Every structure is written in structure tokens, then in C-alpha cells.
């Protein structure tokens, strides 16, 4: 398993447009990626990163830390691609 943490850069967090962009990118990745919000240094319950509703239920706002995880041959590629996307301001 590969995991990576990153900060949410979008001012609205993982809601609406940013959640849609992340979910679309996750659906196109070779490995299934899970995402969880970090609270007090601990990852919460993970959701499917390809689910817009799942992303929105995390309640991850601007500056919040999230942890992405995946398993398999393409785990690193998939997680890194989504981590880099989340670390961008997707509100524009």
C-alpha cells in the first residue's frame, strides 16, 4: 500500500467544482484511491476518491490535511497524481 498526505488548496475545500475535478481524475487512475481527512494527526474513515458525494462528506476545507491511499502496481502513480491535483487551487 502507498499513502501520501497533502493539504487542500481550494478555498472552498473539496466541495462542488473541486470535488468534481478530483473525482473525475480519480476515476481515470489505474489504481483505486481512497481519501480520508486528517484530524489531530489521525486519518478518519476513508471514502472512494472517485465519488463526488464521498469527497463532499469528508468536510475537508481549505488548508485541511487529507491522506490518499491505494494498493497495487500503479498505487504510487495514482496517489501522486491526485495529491498534486488537491494541492492546487481548483476554484479558478
C-alpha atoms as a PDB file:
ATOM      1  CA  UNK A   1       0.000   0.000   0.000  1.00  0.00           C
ATOM      2  CA  UNK A   2       1.143   3.520  -0.812  1.00  0.00           C
ATOM      3  CA  UNK A   3      -0.067   6.573   1.064  1.00  0.00           C
ATOM      4  CA  UNK A   4       0.574  10.269   0.908  1.00  0.00           C
ATOM      5  CA  UNK A   5      -0.728  13.315   2.737  1.00  0.00           C
ATOM      6  CA  UNK A   6      -1.385  16.729   1.243  1.00  0.00           C
ATOM      7  CA  UNK A   7      -3.182  19.973   2.069  1.00  0.00           C
ATOM      8  CA  UNK A   8      -6.392  21.097   0.361  1.00  0.00           C
ATOM      9  CA  UNK A   9      -5.567  24.278  -1.574  1.00  0.00           C
ATOM     10  CA  UNK A  10      -9.012  25.199  -2.922  1.00  0.00           C
ATOM     11  CA  UNK A  11     -10.652  27.999  -0.944  1.00  0.00           C
ATOM     12  CA  UNK A  12     -13.990  26.121  -0.903  1.00  0.00           C
ATOM     13  CA  UNK A  13     -12.302  22.862   0.078  1.00  0.00           C
ATOM     14  CA  UNK A  14     -13.365  19.594  -1.537  1.00  0.00           C
ATOM     15  CA  UNK A  15     -16.841  20.798  -2.457  1.00  0.00           C
ATOM     16  CA  UNK A  16     -18.669  21.402  -5.731  1.00  0.00           C
ATOM     17  CA  UNK A  17     -16.259  22.025  -8.609  1.00  0.00           C
ATOM     18  CA  UNK A  18     -13.050  20.872  -6.873  1.00  0.00           C
ATOM     19  CA  UNK A  19     -14.730  17.640  -5.734  1.00  0.00           C
ATOM     20  CA  UNK A  20     -15.918  17.011  -9.292  1.00  0.00           C
ATOM     21  CA  UNK A  21     -12.438  17.537 -10.722  1.00  0.00           C
ATOM     22  CA  UNK A  22     -10.813  15.263  -8.149  1.00  0.00           C
ATOM     23  CA  UNK A  23     -13.451  12.542  -8.610  1.00  0.00           C
ATOM     24  CA  UNK A  24     -13.073  12.657 -12.401  1.00  0.00           C
ATOM     25  CA  UNK A  25      -9.296  12.376 -12.125  1.00  0.00           C
ATOM     26  CA  UNK A  26      -9.577   9.549  -9.576  1.00  0.00           C
ATOM     27  CA  UNK A  27     -11.934   7.610 -11.856  1.00  0.00           C
ATOM     28  CA  UNK A  28      -9.319   7.771 -14.604  1.00  0.00           C
ATOM     29  CA  UNK A  29      -6.454   6.460 -12.477  1.00  0.00           C
ATOM     30  CA  UNK A  30      -5.185   2.883 -12.869  1.00  0.00           C
ATOM     31  CA  UNK A  31      -5.456   2.196  -9.106  1.00  0.00           C
ATOM     32  CA  UNK A  32      -8.498   2.785  -6.885  1.00  0.00           C
ATOM     33  CA  UNK A  33      -7.670   5.620  -4.495  1.00  0.00           C
ATOM     34  CA  UNK A  34      -9.202   6.194  -1.076  1.00  0.00           C
ATOM     35  CA  UNK A  35      -9.091   9.542   0.704  1.00  0.00           C
ATOM     36  CA  UNK A  36      -9.512  10.450   4.371  1.00  0.00           C
ATOM     37  CA  UNK A  37      -9.473  13.736   6.277  1.00  0.00           C
ATOM     38  CA  UNK A  38      -6.780  14.068   8.932  1.00  0.00           C
ATOM     39  CA  UNK A  39      -7.937  15.296  12.339  1.00  0.00           C
ATOM     40  CA  UNK A  40      -5.433  15.699  15.166  1.00  0.00           C
ATOM     41  CA  UNK A  41      -2.880  13.758  13.125  1.00  0.00           C
ATOM     42  CA  UNK A  42      -5.163  10.743  12.636  1.00  0.00           C
ATOM     43  CA  UNK A  43      -6.860   9.715   9.396  1.00  0.00           C
ATOM     44  CA  UNK A  44     -10.631   9.410   9.589  1.00  0.00           C
ATOM     45  CA  UNK A  45     -12.779   6.932   7.688  1.00  0.00           C
ATOM     46  CA  UNK A  46     -11.660   6.788   4.036  1.00  0.00           C
ATOM     47  CA  UNK A  47     -14.003   7.273   1.091  1.00  0.00           C
ATOM     48  CA  UNK A  48     -13.640   6.450  -2.590  1.00  0.00           C
ATOM     49  CA  UNK A  49     -11.814   9.383  -4.205  1.00  0.00           C
ATOM     50  CA  UNK A  50     -13.825   8.810  -7.409  1.00  0.00           C
ATOM     51  CA  UNK A  51     -17.080   9.644  -5.584  1.00  0.00           C
ATOM     52  CA  UNK A  52     -18.139  13.305  -5.602  1.00  0.00           C
ATOM     53  CA  UNK A  53     -20.554  12.659  -2.744  1.00  0.00           C
ATOM     54  CA  UNK A  54     -17.884  10.796  -0.805  1.00  0.00           C
ATOM     55  CA  UNK A  55     -15.458  13.679  -1.201  1.00  0.00           C
ATOM     56  CA  UNK A  56     -18.042  16.205  -0.080  1.00  0.00           C
ATOM     57  CA  UNK A  57     -18.939  14.175   3.024  1.00  0.00           C
ATOM     58  CA  UNK A  58     -15.330  14.404   4.220  1.00  0.00           C
ATOM     59  CA  UNK A  59     -15.881  18.039   5.089  1.00  0.00           C
ATOM     60  CA  UNK A  60     -12.320  18.845   4.023  1.00  0.00           C
ATOM     61  CA  UNK A  61     -11.909  22.609   3.823  1.00  0.00           C
ATOM     62  CA  UNK A  62      -9.149  24.940   2.717  1.00  0.00           C
ATOM     63  CA  UNK A  63      -5.896  24.093   4.489  1.00  0.00           C
ATOM     64  CA  UNK A  64      -7.136  20.763   5.844  1.00  0.00           C
ATOM     65  CA  UNK A  65      -4.836  17.771   5.521  1.00  0.00           C
ATOM     66  CA  UNK A  66      -6.025  14.659   3.709  1.00  0.00           C
ATOM     67  CA  UNK A  67      -4.449  11.229   3.282  1.00  0.00           C
ATOM     68  CA  UNK A  68      -4.654   9.340  -0.009  1.00  0.00           C
ATOM     69  CA  UNK A  69      -4.050   5.597  -0.174  1.00  0.00           C
ATOM     70  CA  UNK A  70      -4.029   2.948  -2.888  1.00  0.00           C
ATOM     71  CA  UNK A  71      -2.812  -0.589  -3.421  1.00  0.00           C
ATOM     72  CA  UNK A  72      -1.344  -2.372  -6.414  1.00  0.00           C
ATOM     73  CA  UNK A  73       1.185  -1.783  -9.153  1.00  0.00           C
ATOM     74  CA  UNK A  74       0.035   1.727 -10.035  1.00  0.00           C
ATOM     75  CA  UNK A  75      -0.684   2.911  -6.486  1.00  0.00           C
ATOM     76  CA  UNK A  76       2.126   5.487  -6.349  1.00  0.00           C
ATOM     77  CA  UNK A  77       1.264   6.969  -9.743  1.00  0.00           C
ATOM     78  CA  UNK A  78      -2.435   7.243  -8.895  1.00  0.00           C
ATOM     79  CA  UNK A  79      -1.970   8.693  -5.399  1.00  0.00           C
ATOM     80  CA  UNK A  80       0.688  11.183  -6.508  1.00  0.00           C
ATOM     81  CA  UNK A  81      -1.484  12.456  -9.378  1.00  0.00           C
ATOM     82  CA  UNK A  82      -4.424  13.119  -7.049  1.00  0.00           C
ATOM     83  CA  UNK A  83      -2.252  14.593  -4.283  1.00  0.00           C
ATOM     84  CA  UNK A  84      -0.782  17.094  -6.743  1.00  0.00           C
ATOM     85  CA  UNK A  85      -4.270  17.993  -8.008  1.00  0.00           C
ATOM     86  CA  UNK A  86      -5.650  18.555  -4.495  1.00  0.00           C
ATOM     87  CA  UNK A  87      -2.643  20.735  -3.651  1.00  0.00           C
ATOM     88  CA  UNK A  88      -3.687  23.144  -6.453  1.00  0.00           C
ATOM     89  CA  UNK A  89      -6.329  25.864  -6.241  1.00  0.00           C
ATOM     90  CA  UNK A  90      -9.146  24.265  -8.235  1.00  0.00           C
ATOM     91  CA  UNK A  91     -11.585  27.148  -7.745  1.00  0.00           C
ATOM     92  CA  UNK A  92     -10.465  29.088 -10.810  1.00  0.00           C
END
